[in-house]
Structure formats: C-alpha cells, structure tokens
Amino acid sequence: MNSARTLIKACVICLIPLLACSIYYTSERLDDLPAYLYISAQMALPLLLISCAYLANLAVMGRCSGWRLYTSAIAIVLSILTIGLTWL
C-alpha cells in the first residue's frame, strides 16, 4: 500500500507541470478562437487524464461494463481528437 501512495505522489508531481505547460502553450496558440473552442482546448488534457484514471479504476475494480465505461471512453476519444486538432 505504501508503494501505491508513493506512485500516486510521483504521478501528481509529474502531471502538475505538464498541465501548466500544456495550458500555457495552448492558450498562446489559440488566441483568436471563439470562447467555446478555447475552453474545450484548455480542458482536453485534464479531461483525458481524469478519464484514463477513472477507466483504469473501473478495470481494477472489475466493473468493465455499463454507462460509466462508455462515458469515460467517449471522453478519452473526444479529448484526443481535441488535442490532435489543436496541435496538428
């Protein structure tokens, strides 16, 4: 259990700078877009990370069916598409 807490702390330490840099460079790149596109591009990476963590949690708990699985999978796909369209 102690190693899991250490892994979670290490992930948080690595992801906070990633989120900050991603939001900063995305906001620089998308200055002239409408507000709804700007906000969706800003929220794509945090939503992707949260959805992946939730999907992994569902898999560990053995509940790989139902609306929660489909909702998190759709959120992952939409986030990847948004990030791809923003940076490509």
N, C-alpha and C. Protein backbone atom coordinates (compact mmCIF):
# COMPACT_ATOMS: atom_id res chain seq x y z
N MET A 1 0.82 -1.19 0.00
CA MET A 1 0.00 0.00 0.00
C MET A 1 0.86 1.26 0.00
N ASN A 2 2.01 1.20 0.65
CA ASN A 2 2.90 2.36 0.71
C ASN A 2 3.47 2.69 -0.67
N SER A 3 3.76 1.66 -1.46
CA SER A 3 4.30 1.92 -2.80
C SER A 3 3.25 2.54 -3.71
N ALA A 4 1.97 2.21 -3.51
CA ALA A 4 0.90 2.83 -4.30
C ALA A 4 0.79 4.32 -3.98
N ARG A 5 0.91 4.67 -2.73
CA ARG A 5 0.86 6.10 -2.35
C ARG A 5 2.06 6.85 -2.93
N THR A 6 3.22 6.24 -2.93
CA THR A 6 4.40 6.87 -3.50
C THR A 6 4.23 7.05 -5.00
N LEU A 7 3.64 6.07 -5.68
CA LEU A 7 3.40 6.18 -7.11
C LEU A 7 2.40 7.29 -7.42
N ILE A 8 1.37 7.40 -6.61
CA ILE A 8 0.39 8.47 -6.81
C ILE A 8 1.04 9.83 -6.62
N LYS A 9 1.86 9.98 -5.59
CA LYS A 9 2.56 11.25 -5.36
C LYS A 9 3.50 11.59 -6.52
N ALA A 10 4.20 10.59 -7.03
CA ALA A 10 5.10 10.83 -8.16
C ALA A 10 4.33 11.24 -9.41
N CYS A 11 3.18 10.63 -9.65
CA CYS A 11 2.36 10.99 -10.81
C CYS A 11 1.86 12.43 -10.69
N VAL A 12 1.41 12.80 -9.50
CA VAL A 12 0.93 14.17 -9.30
C VAL A 12 2.05 15.17 -9.49
N ILE A 13 3.22 14.86 -8.98
CA ILE A 13 4.37 15.76 -9.14
C ILE A 13 4.74 15.93 -10.60
N CYS A 14 4.63 14.88 -11.40
CA CYS A 14 4.95 14.97 -12.82
C CYS A 14 3.84 15.62 -13.64
N LEU A 15 2.59 15.41 -13.25
CA LEU A 15 1.47 15.89 -14.06
C LEU A 15 1.16 17.37 -13.87
N ILE A 16 1.44 17.93 -12.72
CA ILE A 16 1.15 19.35 -12.50
C ILE A 16 1.95 20.24 -13.45
N PRO A 17 3.26 20.06 -13.61
CA PRO A 17 3.96 20.87 -14.62
C PRO A 17 3.50 20.59 -16.04
N LEU A 18 3.14 19.34 -16.35
CA LEU A 18 2.64 19.01 -17.68
C LEU A 18 1.35 19.78 -17.96
N LEU A 19 0.44 19.82 -17.00
CA LEU A 19 -0.81 20.55 -17.18
C LEU A 19 -0.55 22.05 -17.33
N ALA A 20 0.33 22.58 -16.51
CA ALA A 20 0.62 24.02 -16.58
C ALA A 20 1.22 24.39 -17.94
N CYS A 21 2.17 23.62 -18.40
CA CYS A 21 2.80 23.91 -19.70
C CYS A 21 1.81 23.73 -20.85
N SER A 22 1.01 22.70 -20.77
CA SER A 22 0.02 22.45 -21.82
C SER A 22 -0.97 23.59 -21.91
N ILE A 23 -1.47 24.04 -20.79
CA ILE A 23 -2.45 25.13 -20.79
C ILE A 23 -1.80 26.42 -21.28
N TYR A 24 -0.57 26.68 -20.88
CA TYR A 24 0.11 27.91 -21.30
C TYR A 24 0.33 27.93 -22.82
N TYR A 25 0.89 26.85 -23.36
CA TYR A 25 1.19 26.84 -24.80
C TYR A 25 -0.07 26.73 -25.64
N THR A 26 -1.10 26.08 -25.14
CA THR A 26 -2.37 26.03 -25.86
C THR A 26 -3.00 27.41 -25.91
N SER A 27 -2.94 28.15 -24.81
CA SER A 27 -3.53 29.49 -24.80
C SER A 27 -2.75 30.44 -25.72
N GLU A 28 -1.45 30.26 -25.83
CA GLU A 28 -0.67 31.07 -26.77
C GLU A 28 -1.03 30.75 -28.22
N ARG A 29 -1.27 29.49 -28.49
CA ARG A 29 -1.54 29.07 -29.85
C ARG A 29 -2.95 29.45 -30.31
N LEU A 30 -3.90 29.51 -29.40
CA LEU A 30 -5.30 29.69 -29.76
C LEU A 30 -5.86 31.03 -29.27
N ASP A 31 -5.16 32.10 -29.51
CA ASP A 31 -5.61 33.41 -29.03
C ASP A 31 -6.90 33.88 -29.68
N ASP A 32 -7.06 33.64 -30.95
CA ASP A 32 -8.15 34.27 -31.71
C ASP A 32 -9.36 33.38 -31.94
N LEU A 33 -9.50 32.30 -31.20
CA LEU A 33 -10.65 31.41 -31.36
C LEU A 33 -11.83 31.86 -30.52
N PRO A 34 -13.04 31.41 -30.88
CA PRO A 34 -14.19 31.69 -30.02
C PRO A 34 -14.03 31.03 -28.65
N ALA A 35 -14.79 31.52 -27.69
CA ALA A 35 -14.61 31.08 -26.29
C ALA A 35 -14.87 29.59 -26.10
N TYR A 36 -15.88 29.04 -26.76
CA TYR A 36 -16.18 27.62 -26.54
C TYR A 36 -15.07 26.71 -27.06
N LEU A 37 -14.43 27.06 -28.16
CA LEU A 37 -13.31 26.27 -28.66
C LEU A 37 -12.07 26.45 -27.80
N TYR A 38 -11.87 27.65 -27.31
CA TYR A 38 -10.71 27.94 -26.45
C TYR A 38 -10.81 27.13 -25.16
N ILE A 39 -11.99 27.13 -24.55
CA ILE A 39 -12.17 26.42 -23.28
C ILE A 39 -12.07 24.91 -23.49
N SER A 40 -12.64 24.40 -24.57
CA SER A 40 -12.56 22.96 -24.82
C SER A 40 -11.11 22.52 -25.07
N ALA A 41 -10.33 23.34 -25.74
CA ALA A 41 -8.93 23.01 -25.96
C ALA A 41 -8.14 23.06 -24.66
N GLN A 42 -8.49 23.99 -23.78
CA GLN A 42 -7.80 24.09 -22.49
C GLN A 42 -8.12 22.89 -21.59
N MET A 43 -9.33 22.39 -21.66
CA MET A 43 -9.77 21.32 -20.77
C MET A 43 -9.53 19.92 -21.32
N ALA A 44 -8.99 19.80 -22.52
CA ALA A 44 -8.84 18.49 -23.15
C ALA A 44 -7.84 17.60 -22.40
N LEU A 45 -6.68 18.11 -22.04
CA LEU A 45 -5.69 17.28 -21.36
C LEU A 45 -6.12 16.90 -19.95
N PRO A 46 -6.63 17.83 -19.13
CA PRO A 46 -7.11 17.39 -17.81
C PRO A 46 -8.23 16.36 -17.91
N LEU A 47 -9.14 16.54 -18.85
CA LEU A 47 -10.23 15.58 -19.02
C LEU A 47 -9.69 14.22 -19.47
N LEU A 48 -8.70 14.24 -20.33
CA LEU A 48 -8.08 12.99 -20.78
C LEU A 48 -7.45 12.24 -19.61
N LEU A 49 -6.71 12.95 -18.78
CA LEU A 49 -6.05 12.31 -17.65
C LEU A 49 -7.05 11.77 -16.63
N ILE A 50 -8.09 12.54 -16.35
CA ILE A 50 -9.11 12.10 -15.40
C ILE A 50 -9.85 10.88 -15.95
N SER A 51 -10.18 10.90 -17.21
CA SER A 51 -10.92 9.78 -17.82
C SER A 51 -10.07 8.52 -17.86
N CYS A 52 -8.79 8.65 -18.17
CA CYS A 52 -7.92 7.48 -18.17
C CYS A 52 -7.77 6.89 -16.77
N ALA A 53 -7.65 7.75 -15.78
CA ALA A 53 -7.55 7.27 -14.40
C ALA A 53 -8.84 6.57 -13.98
N TYR A 54 -9.98 7.12 -14.35
CA TYR A 54 -11.26 6.52 -14.00
C TYR A 54 -11.45 5.18 -14.71
N LEU A 55 -11.06 5.12 -15.97
CA LEU A 55 -11.16 3.88 -16.73
C LEU A 55 -10.25 2.80 -16.13
N ALA A 56 -9.06 3.19 -15.71
CA ALA A 56 -8.16 2.24 -15.05
C ALA A 56 -8.74 1.77 -13.73
N ASN A 57 -9.37 2.68 -13.00
CA ASN A 57 -10.01 2.31 -11.74
C ASN A 57 -11.15 1.33 -11.98
N LEU A 58 -11.95 1.55 -13.00
CA LEU A 58 -13.03 0.60 -13.32
C LEU A 58 -12.47 -0.76 -13.68
N ALA A 59 -11.37 -0.79 -14.42
CA ALA A 59 -10.77 -2.07 -14.80
C ALA A 59 -10.23 -2.81 -13.59
N VAL A 60 -9.62 -2.09 -12.66
CA VAL A 60 -9.08 -2.73 -11.47
C VAL A 60 -10.21 -3.27 -10.59
N MET A 61 -11.30 -2.53 -10.51
CA MET A 61 -12.42 -2.96 -9.68
C MET A 61 -13.24 -4.07 -10.35
N GLY A 62 -13.01 -4.33 -11.62
CA GLY A 62 -13.71 -5.38 -12.32
C GLY A 62 -15.09 -5.00 -12.82
N ARG A 63 -15.33 -3.72 -12.98
CA ARG A 63 -16.63 -3.24 -13.45
C ARG A 63 -16.51 -2.68 -14.87
N CYS A 64 -16.08 -3.51 -15.77
CA CYS A 64 -15.84 -3.06 -17.14
C CYS A 64 -17.08 -3.18 -18.02
N SER A 65 -18.16 -2.61 -17.55
CA SER A 65 -19.37 -2.56 -18.35
C SER A 65 -20.25 -1.45 -17.81
N GLY A 66 -21.21 -1.06 -18.63
CA GLY A 66 -22.15 -0.05 -18.17
C GLY A 66 -21.85 1.33 -18.73
N TRP A 67 -22.66 2.26 -18.32
CA TRP A 67 -22.58 3.62 -18.85
C TRP A 67 -21.32 4.34 -18.41
N ARG A 68 -20.76 4.00 -17.26
CA ARG A 68 -19.53 4.67 -16.80
C ARG A 68 -18.36 4.36 -17.71
N LEU A 69 -18.28 3.13 -18.16
CA LEU A 69 -17.22 2.74 -19.09
C LEU A 69 -17.35 3.49 -20.41
N TYR A 70 -18.57 3.54 -20.94
CA TYR A 70 -18.78 4.21 -22.22
C TYR A 70 -18.57 5.72 -22.12
N THR A 71 -19.00 6.30 -21.01
CA THR A 71 -18.80 7.75 -20.83
C THR A 71 -17.33 8.10 -20.75
N SER A 72 -16.55 7.34 -20.00
CA SER A 72 -15.12 7.64 -19.91
C SER A 72 -14.41 7.35 -21.23
N ALA A 73 -14.84 6.33 -21.95
CA ALA A 73 -14.22 6.04 -23.25
C ALA A 73 -14.53 7.15 -24.26
N ILE A 74 -15.74 7.65 -24.25
CA ILE A 74 -16.10 8.77 -25.14
C ILE A 74 -15.32 10.01 -24.77
N ALA A 75 -15.16 10.27 -23.48
CA ALA A 75 -14.38 11.44 -23.04
C ALA A 75 -12.92 11.32 -23.48
N ILE A 76 -12.37 10.12 -23.44
CA ILE A 76 -10.99 9.92 -23.89
C ILE A 76 -10.86 10.20 -25.38
N VAL A 77 -11.78 9.66 -26.16
CA VAL A 77 -11.73 9.86 -27.62
C VAL A 77 -11.89 11.34 -27.97
N LEU A 78 -12.85 12.01 -27.36
CA LEU A 78 -13.06 13.43 -27.64
C LEU A 78 -11.86 14.29 -27.23
N SER A 79 -11.25 13.94 -26.10
CA SER A 79 -10.07 14.68 -25.66
C SER A 79 -8.90 14.49 -26.62
N ILE A 80 -8.70 13.27 -27.08
CA ILE A 80 -7.61 13.01 -28.02
C ILE A 80 -7.85 13.74 -29.33
N LEU A 81 -9.09 13.74 -29.80
CA LEU A 81 -9.41 14.47 -31.03
C LEU A 81 -9.19 15.97 -30.87
N THR A 82 -9.59 16.51 -29.73
CA THR A 82 -9.41 17.94 -29.49
C THR A 82 -7.93 18.31 -29.42
N ILE A 83 -7.15 17.50 -28.73
CA ILE A 83 -5.71 17.76 -28.64
C ILE A 83 -5.08 17.64 -30.03
N GLY A 84 -5.48 16.62 -30.78
CA GLY A 84 -4.93 16.44 -32.12
C GLY A 84 -5.27 17.60 -33.05
N LEU A 85 -6.51 18.05 -33.02
CA LEU A 85 -6.90 19.17 -33.87
C LEU A 85 -6.24 20.48 -33.45
N THR A 86 -5.96 20.60 -32.16
CA THR A 86 -5.31 21.82 -31.67
C THR A 86 -3.86 21.89 -32.13
N TRP A 87 -3.16 20.77 -32.06
CA TRP A 87 -1.72 20.81 -32.30
C TRP A 87 -1.28 20.32 -33.66
N LEU A 88 -2.18 19.83 -34.48
CA LEU A 88 -1.76 19.36 -35.81
C LEU A 88 -2.17 20.32 -36.89
